[in-house]
Amino acid sequence: MPTISMFYGILVTLLYEDNDRHHLPHFHVRYQDFKASISIEDARVLAGNLPPKQLKLVEAWVELHRDELFADWDLAINGEEPFRIAPLQ
């Protein structure tokens, strides 16, 4: 599970060939003991949960990097290494 970004204690990862579980482009985030799957298209939580403050940070990051996330998604579902994406600053 490659890490594609980290910011404010939030770890963002993509799973290789992970198209079957949620059937749409998504990534995974971890913050302390929280875990969630987040839709790339609209940044909604597909599974799990995050504290509200961290979810807002993730939503802002998705808005800034949506095109890069879709490109990484395409790489990952084809079993290729995704690129790192700049953290939220």
C-alpha atoms as a PDB file:
ATOM      1  CA  MET A   1       0.000   0.000   0.000  1.00  0.00           C
ATOM      2  CA  PRO A   2       2.074   2.955  -1.255  1.00  0.00           C
ATOM      3  CA  THR A   3       1.985   6.182   0.712  1.00  0.00           C
ATOM      4  CA  ILE A   4       1.292   9.043  -1.699  1.00  0.00           C
ATOM      5  CA  SER A   5       1.189  11.942   0.782  1.00  0.00           C
ATOM      6  CA  MET A   6       1.447  12.907   4.447  1.00  0.00           C
ATOM      7  CA  PHE A   7       0.329  16.121   6.134  1.00  0.00           C
ATOM      8  CA  TYR A   8      -0.691  17.196   9.637  1.00  0.00           C
ATOM      9  CA  GLY A   9      -0.432  13.633  10.926  1.00  0.00           C
ATOM     10  CA  ILE A  10      -2.628  12.275   8.108  1.00  0.00           C
ATOM     11  CA  LEU A  11      -1.235   9.413   6.024  1.00  0.00           C
ATOM     12  CA  VAL A  12      -2.678   9.024   2.490  1.00  0.00           C
ATOM     13  CA  THR A  13      -2.300   5.680   0.693  1.00  0.00           C
ATOM     14  CA  LEU A  14      -3.513   3.889  -2.423  1.00  0.00           C
ATOM     15  CA  LEU A  15      -3.949   0.142  -2.693  1.00  0.00           C
ATOM     16  CA  TYR A  16      -2.840  -1.673  -5.813  1.00  0.00           C
ATOM     17  CA  GLU A  17      -5.694  -3.130  -7.853  1.00  0.00           C
ATOM     18  CA  ASP A  18      -8.301  -1.937  -5.289  1.00  0.00           C
ATOM     19  CA  ASN A  19     -11.153  -1.327  -7.755  1.00  0.00           C
ATOM     20  CA  ASP A  20     -13.432  -4.124  -6.514  1.00  0.00           C
ATOM     21  CA  ARG A  21     -14.251  -3.017  -2.996  1.00  0.00           C
ATOM     22  CA  HIS A  22     -15.882   0.401  -3.514  1.00  0.00           C
ATOM     23  CA  HIS A  23     -16.165   0.308  -7.338  1.00  0.00           C
ATOM     24  CA  LEU A  24     -15.033   3.899  -7.737  1.00  0.00           C
ATOM     25  CA  PRO A  25     -11.764   5.821  -7.501  1.00  0.00           C
ATOM     26  CA  HIS A  26     -10.763   6.283  -3.876  1.00  0.00           C
ATOM     27  CA  PHE A  27      -7.822   6.426  -1.506  1.00  0.00           C
ATOM     28  CA  HIS A  28      -7.242   5.522   2.118  1.00  0.00           C
ATOM     29  CA  VAL A  29      -6.345   7.816   4.994  1.00  0.00           C
ATOM     30  CA  ARG A  30      -5.131   7.150   8.511  1.00  0.00           C
ATOM     31  CA  TYR A  31      -4.973   9.590  11.373  1.00  0.00           C
ATOM     32  CA  GLN A  32      -4.039   8.274  14.816  1.00  0.00           C
ATOM     33  CA  ASP A  33      -6.532   5.407  15.423  1.00  0.00           C
ATOM     34  CA  PHE A  34      -8.919   6.547  12.661  1.00  0.00           C
ATOM     35  CA  LYS A  35      -9.097   5.040   9.163  1.00  0.00           C
ATOM     36  CA  ALA A  36     -11.276   5.957   6.198  1.00  0.00           C
ATOM     37  CA  SER A  37     -11.714   5.376   2.481  1.00  0.00           C
ATOM     38  CA  ILE A  38     -12.310   8.642   0.603  1.00  0.00           C
ATOM     39  CA  SER A  39     -13.827   9.141  -2.850  1.00  0.00           C
ATOM     40  CA  ILE A  40     -11.578  11.053  -5.232  1.00  0.00           C
ATOM     41  CA  GLU A  41     -14.510  12.523  -7.137  1.00  0.00           C
ATOM     42  CA  ASP A  42     -16.230  14.321  -4.251  1.00  0.00           C
ATOM     43  CA  ALA A  43     -14.056  13.619  -1.167  1.00  0.00           C
ATOM     44  CA  ARG A  44     -16.896  11.844   0.643  1.00  0.00           C
ATOM     45  CA  VAL A  45     -16.185   9.139   3.179  1.00  0.00           C
ATOM     46  CA  LEU A  46     -16.964   5.716   1.698  1.00  0.00           C
ATOM     47  CA  ALA A  47     -16.037   3.697   4.781  1.00  0.00           C
ATOM     48  CA  GLY A  48     -14.580   4.384   8.210  1.00  0.00           C
ATOM     49  CA  ASN A  49     -14.351   7.806   9.809  1.00  0.00           C
ATOM     50  CA  LEU A  50     -12.080  10.740  10.606  1.00  0.00           C
ATOM     51  CA  PRO A  51     -12.391  13.562  13.122  1.00  0.00           C
ATOM     52  CA  PRO A  52     -14.168  16.569  11.531  1.00  0.00           C
ATOM     53  CA  LYS A  53     -11.054  18.788  11.499  1.00  0.00           C
ATOM     54  CA  GLN A  54      -8.937  16.165   9.717  1.00  0.00           C
ATOM     55  CA  LEU A  55     -11.744  15.413   7.265  1.00  0.00           C
ATOM     56  CA  LYS A  56     -11.864  19.104   6.308  1.00  0.00           C
ATOM     57  CA  LEU A  57      -8.107  19.037   5.699  1.00  0.00           C
ATOM     58  CA  VAL A  58      -8.461  15.951   3.484  1.00  0.00           C
ATOM     59  CA  GLU A  59     -11.341  17.560   1.566  1.00  0.00           C
ATOM     60  CA  ALA A  60      -9.224  20.670   0.905  1.00  0.00           C
ATOM     61  CA  TRP A  61      -6.296  18.514  -0.219  1.00  0.00           C
ATOM     62  CA  VAL A  62      -8.527  16.579  -2.645  1.00  0.00           C
ATOM     63  CA  GLU A  63      -9.757  19.852  -4.182  1.00  0.00           C
ATOM     64  CA  LEU A  64      -6.170  20.903  -4.851  1.00  0.00           C
ATOM     65  CA  HIS A  65      -4.948  17.541  -6.174  1.00  0.00           C
ATOM     66  CA  ARG A  66      -7.945  15.806  -7.770  1.00  0.00           C
ATOM     67  CA  ASP A  67      -6.327  15.422 -11.221  1.00  0.00           C
ATOM     68  CA  GLU A  68      -3.171  13.950  -9.688  1.00  0.00           C
ATOM     69  CA  LEU A  69      -5.263  11.580  -7.579  1.00  0.00           C
ATOM     70  CA  PHE A  70      -7.133  10.309 -10.639  1.00  0.00           C
ATOM     71  CA  ALA A  71      -3.813   9.774 -12.442  1.00  0.00           C
ATOM     72  CA  ASP A  72      -2.426   7.869  -9.443  1.00  0.00           C
ATOM     73  CA  TRP A  73      -5.641   5.827  -9.238  1.00  0.00           C
ATOM     74  CA  ASP A  74      -5.188   4.717 -12.858  1.00  0.00           C
ATOM     75  CA  LEU A  75      -1.611   3.676 -12.133  1.00  0.00           C
ATOM     76  CA  ALA A  76      -2.511   1.801  -8.958  1.00  0.00           C
ATOM     77  CA  ILE A  77      -5.403  -0.214 -10.406  1.00  0.00           C
ATOM     78  CA  ASN A  78      -3.035  -1.322 -13.163  1.00  0.00           C
ATOM     79  CA  GLY A  79      -0.521  -2.490 -10.572  1.00  0.00           C
ATOM     80  CA  GLU A  80       1.902   0.373 -11.204  1.00  0.00           C
ATOM     81  CA  GLU A  81       3.606   2.565  -8.608  1.00  0.00           C
ATOM     82  CA  PRO A  82       1.659   5.825  -8.035  1.00  0.00           C
ATOM     83  CA  PHE A  83       3.477   9.147  -7.769  1.00  0.00           C
ATOM     84  CA  ARG A  84       3.836  11.119  -4.547  1.00  0.00           C
ATOM     85  CA  ILE A  85       1.504  14.107  -4.248  1.00  0.00           C
ATOM     86  CA  ALA A  86       2.420  17.322  -2.458  1.00  0.00           C
ATOM     87  CA  PRO A  87       1.073  17.646   1.074  1.00  0.00           C
ATOM     88  CA  LEU A  88      -1.396  20.276   2.202  1.00  0.00           C
ATOM     89  CA  GLN A  89       0.521  23.325   3.419  1.00  0.00           C
END
